[in-house]
Amino acid sequence: MMIKSISVIICVIACTFLLKGCTPNNVKIDNSIKKYFDDNQVSGSFSIFDNGEGSFTIYNLSRYKDSAYLPASTFKIVNSLIGLQTGVITNEKMLIKWDGIKRWNENWNKDLTMEEAFKFSAVPYYQEVARRIGKDTMQLWLDSLHYGNKKIGNRIDSFWLDNSLKITADEQLGLVKQLYFGKLPFNKFSTEIVKKVMVHENNSKYLLAYKTGFGYRENGNALGWMVGWVEENHHPYFFVLNIEGKHNMDLVAIRTNMLMNILKQEGFLEGKR
């Protein structure tokens, strides 16, 4: 498996996969979105990219483009892709046994498959995946992807949570856009599995796929992410919601409500786009 991992990485390491997507010529600023941040007493940014038009609608452009934050559990997208590509994860049904340590989330306190761990955002499962991938292999992939600041730091099993690794919202959007179209340096098998486990809703009006993230910045503030796409009439739109609030705020509930309300305001979730 190590030989397979290294050979795959050598094939892609010379390539650059820049994840940035926004340019000054394709941006519409929508300050009406600010009310959702104010109503929930959080700061942050939101962007949605119309792939057909090649245009962005953005609230808080400077934060969206220029400020980098820990990815938290949105890194499970890349952790999954690397795990699948290298054979550390065989498929979405691969089971990792519970280590017996009781944690705050009861959904984590059992044996989990990859798709369950992704759905429940199970940190212990993906910490074990990262340990199996190993620091050197992980670093090679982060470098080839140009993922954020590409910093792992001292711990292979927490660098996406401890503010070592940081990424901008623009880079996050570039990542999910390239994932959707199969433009990342991963095979179709790996890509399709990750796209499948990201789907939360799929009905006659729309498909909604995303990965959430939650963590704490160095200043103690809570940080929340929602990164993904909404598809209507087979037309994808890619979005990133980044929110920040006080340490004790329930951003888990806030971020989902904010995303749904913003999407509805922008004319989504009705199947009319």
Protein backbone atom coordinates (compact mmCIF):
# COMPACT_ATOMS: atom_id res chain seq x y z
CA MET A 1 0.00 0.00 0.00
CA MET A 2 2.91 2.37 0.72
CA ILE A 3 4.34 1.73 -2.77
CA LYS A 4 0.94 2.49 -4.26
CA SER A 5 0.63 5.69 -2.23
CA ILE A 6 4.03 7.04 -3.22
CA SER A 7 3.69 6.16 -6.89
CA VAL A 8 0.33 7.90 -7.17
CA ILE A 9 1.67 11.01 -5.47
CA ILE A 10 4.78 11.14 -7.67
CA CYS A 11 2.49 11.16 -10.72
CA VAL A 12 0.63 14.23 -9.50
CA ILE A 13 3.17 16.13 -7.44
CA ALA A 14 4.42 18.13 -10.43
CA CYS A 15 0.91 19.43 -11.10
CA THR A 16 -0.55 22.49 -9.40
CA PHE A 17 -4.19 22.52 -8.41
CA LEU A 18 -4.85 26.08 -7.35
CA LEU A 19 -8.17 26.21 -5.57
CA LYS A 20 -8.91 29.92 -5.86
CA GLY A 21 -11.87 30.92 -8.03
CA CYS A 22 -12.89 34.54 -7.53
CA THR A 23 -11.64 37.44 -9.71
CA PRO A 24 -12.60 41.14 -9.60
CA ASN A 25 -14.48 40.87 -12.90
CA ASN A 26 -17.03 38.21 -11.97
CA VAL A 27 -18.28 39.34 -8.55
CA LYS A 28 -21.59 40.83 -7.46
CA ILE A 29 -21.64 42.14 -3.88
CA ASP A 30 -24.92 41.40 -2.07
CA ASN A 31 -25.08 43.23 1.25
CA SER A 32 -28.70 42.15 1.79
CA ILE A 33 -27.24 38.88 3.12
CA LYS A 34 -25.74 40.80 6.06
CA LYS A 35 -29.06 40.64 7.92
CA TYR A 36 -28.68 36.89 8.49
CA PHE A 37 -25.33 37.45 10.18
CA ASP A 38 -26.63 40.36 12.26
CA ASP A 39 -29.78 38.48 13.32
CA ASN A 40 -27.62 35.63 14.65
CA GLN A 41 -24.96 37.92 16.17
CA VAL A 42 -22.15 36.42 14.11
CA SER A 43 -19.65 37.74 11.60
CA GLY A 44 -18.51 35.97 8.46
CA SER A 45 -18.92 35.69 4.72
CA PHE A 46 -21.04 33.94 2.13
CA SER A 47 -20.47 33.23 -1.54
CA ILE A 48 -22.32 31.33 -4.22
CA PHE A 49 -20.90 30.67 -7.68
CA ASP A 50 -23.16 30.28 -10.71
CA ASN A 51 -21.21 27.84 -12.83
CA GLY A 52 -23.25 28.51 -15.97
CA GLU A 53 -22.71 32.26 -15.81
CA GLY A 54 -19.24 32.08 -14.26
CA SER A 55 -20.27 34.67 -11.67
CA PHE A 56 -20.11 35.05 -7.89
CA THR A 57 -22.59 36.56 -5.47
CA ILE A 58 -20.67 37.46 -2.32
CA TYR A 59 -21.24 39.04 1.06
CA ASN A 60 -18.05 40.35 2.74
CA LEU A 61 -15.59 40.01 -0.12
CA SER A 62 -12.44 40.84 1.87
CA ARG A 63 -13.07 38.10 4.43
CA TYR A 64 -14.05 35.66 1.70
CA LYS A 65 -10.89 36.16 -0.37
CA ASP A 66 -8.18 37.21 2.06
CA SER A 67 -8.80 35.67 5.50
CA ALA A 68 -7.76 32.09 6.24
CA TYR A 69 -9.18 29.90 9.00
CA LEU A 70 -8.88 26.36 10.29
CA PRO A 71 -10.92 24.07 8.02
CA ALA A 72 -12.16 21.95 10.94
CA SER A 73 -14.30 19.06 9.68
CA THR A 74 -14.54 20.40 6.14
CA PHE A 75 -11.08 18.80 5.86
CA LYS A 76 -12.87 15.44 5.89
CA ILE A 77 -13.44 16.05 2.17
CA VAL A 78 -9.71 15.94 1.47
CA ASN A 79 -8.94 13.39 4.19
CA SER A 80 -11.48 11.07 2.55
CA LEU A 81 -10.10 11.63 -0.96
CA ILE A 82 -6.52 10.92 0.13
CA GLY A 83 -7.60 7.91 2.17
CA LEU A 84 -9.50 6.42 -0.76
CA GLN A 85 -6.83 7.22 -3.35
CA THR A 86 -4.05 5.63 -1.29
CA GLY A 87 -6.07 2.59 -0.24
CA VAL A 88 -6.16 3.57 3.45
CA ILE A 89 -9.95 3.65 2.99
CA THR A 90 -11.17 0.81 0.77
CA ASN A 91 -14.66 2.22 0.15
CA GLU A 92 -17.47 4.03 1.95
CA LYS A 93 -18.42 0.83 3.81
CA MET A 94 -15.00 0.40 5.43
CA LEU A 95 -15.39 -0.07 9.16
CA ILE A 96 -13.08 1.29 11.82
CA LYS A 97 -13.65 -0.16 15.27
CA TRP A 98 -14.56 2.15 18.13
CA ASP A 99 -11.61 2.61 20.50
CA GLY A 100 -13.89 2.38 23.53
CA ILE A 101 -13.35 5.97 24.63
CA LYS A 102 -16.64 7.71 25.45
CA ARG A 103 -16.97 11.10 23.77
CA TRP A 104 -19.55 13.88 23.87
CA ASN A 105 -21.24 12.80 20.63
CA GLU A 106 -22.99 9.46 21.08
CA ASN A 107 -22.92 8.85 17.33
CA TRP A 108 -19.15 8.51 17.60
CA ASN A 109 -19.22 5.88 20.36
CA LYS A 110 -19.53 2.82 18.15
CA ASP A 111 -17.95 1.09 15.17
CA LEU A 112 -18.41 3.33 12.13
CA THR A 113 -18.20 2.99 8.37
CA MET A 114 -16.65 5.79 6.36
CA GLU A 115 -20.04 7.06 5.15
CA GLU A 116 -21.37 7.06 8.73
CA ALA A 117 -18.27 8.84 10.00
CA PHE A 118 -18.64 11.49 7.28
CA LYS A 119 -22.34 11.95 8.05
CA PHE A 120 -21.76 12.23 11.81
CA SER A 121 -18.53 14.22 11.29
CA ALA A 122 -16.79 11.70 13.55
CA VAL A 123 -13.42 13.15 14.51
CA PRO A 124 -11.96 9.89 15.96
CA TYR A 125 -12.57 7.97 12.71
CA TYR A 126 -10.80 10.56 10.60
CA GLN A 127 -7.99 10.96 13.12
CA GLU A 128 -7.29 7.25 12.63
CA VAL A 129 -7.46 7.68 8.85
CA ALA A 130 -4.90 10.51 9.06
CA ARG A 131 -2.58 8.41 11.23
CA ARG A 132 -2.76 5.57 8.71
CA ILE A 133 -2.04 7.97 5.83
CA GLY A 134 1.00 9.30 7.69
CA LYS A 135 2.56 12.74 7.86
CA ASP A 136 4.85 12.51 4.83
CA THR A 137 2.15 11.24 2.49
CA MET A 138 -0.37 13.74 3.82
CA GLN A 139 2.09 16.60 3.32
CA LEU A 140 2.77 15.59 -0.28
CA TRP A 141 -0.93 15.67 -1.05
CA LEU A 142 -1.49 19.04 0.64
CA ASP A 143 1.43 20.45 -1.35
CA SER A 144 0.17 19.06 -4.66
CA LEU A 145 -3.33 20.40 -4.00
CA HIS A 146 -2.04 23.77 -2.76
CA TYR A 147 -4.53 23.30 0.06
CA GLY A 148 -4.59 26.48 2.16
CA ASN A 149 -1.28 27.19 3.88
CA LYS A 150 -0.37 23.46 3.58
CA LYS A 151 0.82 23.32 7.22
CA ILE A 152 0.43 20.12 9.22
CA GLY A 153 2.32 21.20 12.33
CA ASN A 154 3.34 18.68 14.98
CA ARG A 155 0.33 16.36 15.08
CA ILE A 156 -0.91 14.32 12.15
CA ASP A 157 -4.26 13.65 13.84
CA SER A 158 -5.32 17.21 14.71
CA PHE A 159 -3.68 19.72 12.37
CA TRP A 160 -7.03 20.62 10.74
CA LEU A 161 -8.47 21.40 14.18
CA ASP A 162 -5.63 23.14 16.05
CA ASN A 163 -5.14 26.15 13.72
CA SER A 164 -2.00 24.75 12.08
CA LEU A 165 -3.79 24.30 8.73
CA LYS A 166 -5.74 27.30 7.43
CA ILE A 167 -7.72 27.95 4.25
CA THR A 168 -9.73 30.82 2.78
CA ALA A 169 -13.40 30.59 1.83
CA ASP A 170 -12.40 31.23 -1.80
CA GLU A 171 -10.08 28.21 -1.71
CA GLN A 172 -12.84 26.12 -0.15
CA LEU A 173 -15.17 26.99 -3.01
CA GLY A 174 -12.48 26.21 -5.57
CA LEU A 175 -11.99 22.80 -3.95
CA VAL A 176 -15.64 21.72 -4.10
CA LYS A 177 -16.01 23.05 -7.64
CA GLN A 178 -13.05 21.00 -8.83
CA LEU A 179 -14.32 18.00 -6.86
CA TYR A 180 -17.72 18.21 -8.54
CA PHE A 181 -16.22 18.27 -12.03
CA GLY A 182 -13.59 15.62 -11.31
CA LYS A 183 -10.69 18.06 -11.77
CA LEU A 184 -8.77 17.16 -8.60
CA PRO A 185 -5.85 14.68 -8.84
CA PHE A 186 -7.92 11.75 -7.59
CA ASN A 187 -9.39 8.85 -9.51
CA LYS A 188 -13.08 8.64 -10.37
CA PHE A 189 -13.70 5.95 -7.74
CA SER A 190 -12.46 8.19 -4.92
CA THR A 191 -14.14 11.32 -6.27
CA GLU A 192 -17.56 9.74 -6.77
CA ILE A 193 -17.63 8.25 -3.27
CA VAL A 194 -16.88 11.61 -1.65
CA LYS A 195 -19.45 13.39 -3.81
CA LYS A 196 -22.03 10.77 -2.82
CA VAL A 197 -21.46 11.00 0.93
CA MET A 198 -21.70 14.81 0.77
CA VAL A 199 -25.34 14.67 -0.40
CA HIS A 200 -27.83 15.65 2.33
CA GLU A 201 -31.00 16.21 0.30
CA ASN A 202 -32.02 14.94 -3.12
CA ASN A 203 -35.60 15.52 -4.22
CA SER A 204 -37.56 16.53 -7.31
CA LYS A 205 -36.68 20.21 -6.84
CA TYR A 206 -33.01 20.22 -5.88
CA LEU A 207 -29.95 18.34 -4.69
CA LEU A 208 -28.07 19.78 -1.73
CA ALA A 209 -24.58 18.53 -0.89
CA TYR A 210 -22.19 19.92 1.70
CA LYS A 211 -19.72 19.32 4.49
CA THR A 212 -19.91 21.18 7.76
CA GLY A 213 -17.07 22.27 10.01
CA PHE A 214 -16.85 23.56 13.56
CA GLY A 215 -13.84 24.61 15.61
CA TYR A 216 -12.21 27.34 17.65
CA ARG A 217 -9.84 30.07 16.49
CA GLU A 218 -6.74 31.14 18.44
CA ASN A 219 -8.74 34.09 19.80
CA GLY A 220 -11.23 31.67 21.38
CA ASN A 221 -14.07 32.45 18.99
CA ALA A 222 -16.15 29.63 17.56
CA LEU A 223 -15.94 29.12 13.80
CA GLY A 224 -18.43 27.37 11.54
CA TRP A 225 -18.31 26.29 7.88
CA MET A 226 -20.76 24.93 5.31
CA VAL A 227 -19.10 24.09 2.00
CA GLY A 228 -20.77 22.43 -0.99
CA TRP A 229 -23.20 22.85 -3.85
CA VAL A 230 -26.89 23.08 -4.69
CA GLU A 231 -28.04 21.60 -7.98
CA GLU A 232 -31.29 22.51 -9.73
CA ASN A 233 -32.29 21.23 -13.17
CA HIS A 234 -28.83 19.61 -13.40
CA HIS A 235 -27.17 23.00 -12.98
CA PRO A 236 -24.68 23.26 -10.08
CA TYR A 237 -24.10 26.32 -7.90
CA PHE A 238 -21.21 26.17 -5.43
CA PHE A 239 -21.36 27.89 -2.03
CA VAL A 240 -19.32 28.60 1.08
CA LEU A 241 -20.71 29.90 4.35
CA ASN A 242 -18.17 30.98 6.98
CA ILE A 243 -19.42 32.24 10.35
CA GLU A 244 -17.71 33.29 13.58
CA GLY A 245 -19.18 33.97 17.00
CA LYS A 246 -18.55 33.85 20.71
CA HIS A 247 -17.06 30.72 22.24
CA ASN A 248 -20.32 29.48 23.76
CA MET A 249 -22.56 30.01 20.72
CA ASP A 250 -24.39 27.07 19.12
CA LEU A 251 -23.03 27.61 15.63
CA VAL A 252 -24.00 24.06 14.65
CA ALA A 253 -27.68 25.01 14.56
CA ILE A 254 -27.11 28.60 13.46
CA ARG A 255 -25.08 27.75 10.35
CA THR A 256 -27.70 25.36 8.91
CA ASN A 257 -30.56 27.79 9.41
CA MET A 258 -28.52 30.60 7.91
CA LEU A 259 -27.58 28.59 4.84
CA MET A 260 -31.14 27.53 4.11
CA ASN A 261 -32.49 31.06 4.58
CA ILE A 262 -29.81 32.60 2.37
CA LEU A 263 -30.35 30.02 -0.37
CA LYS A 264 -34.10 30.67 -0.29
CA GLN A 265 -33.53 34.43 -0.51
CA GLU A 266 -31.28 33.87 -3.52
CA GLY A 267 -34.04 31.92 -5.27
CA PHE A 268 -32.92 28.34 -4.60
CA LEU A 269 -34.68 25.24 -3.21
CA GLU A 270 -37.79 25.76 -5.36
CA GLY A 271 -36.57 24.00 -8.50
CA LYS A 272 -36.95 27.18 -10.55
CA ARG A 273 -33.30 28.00 -11.27
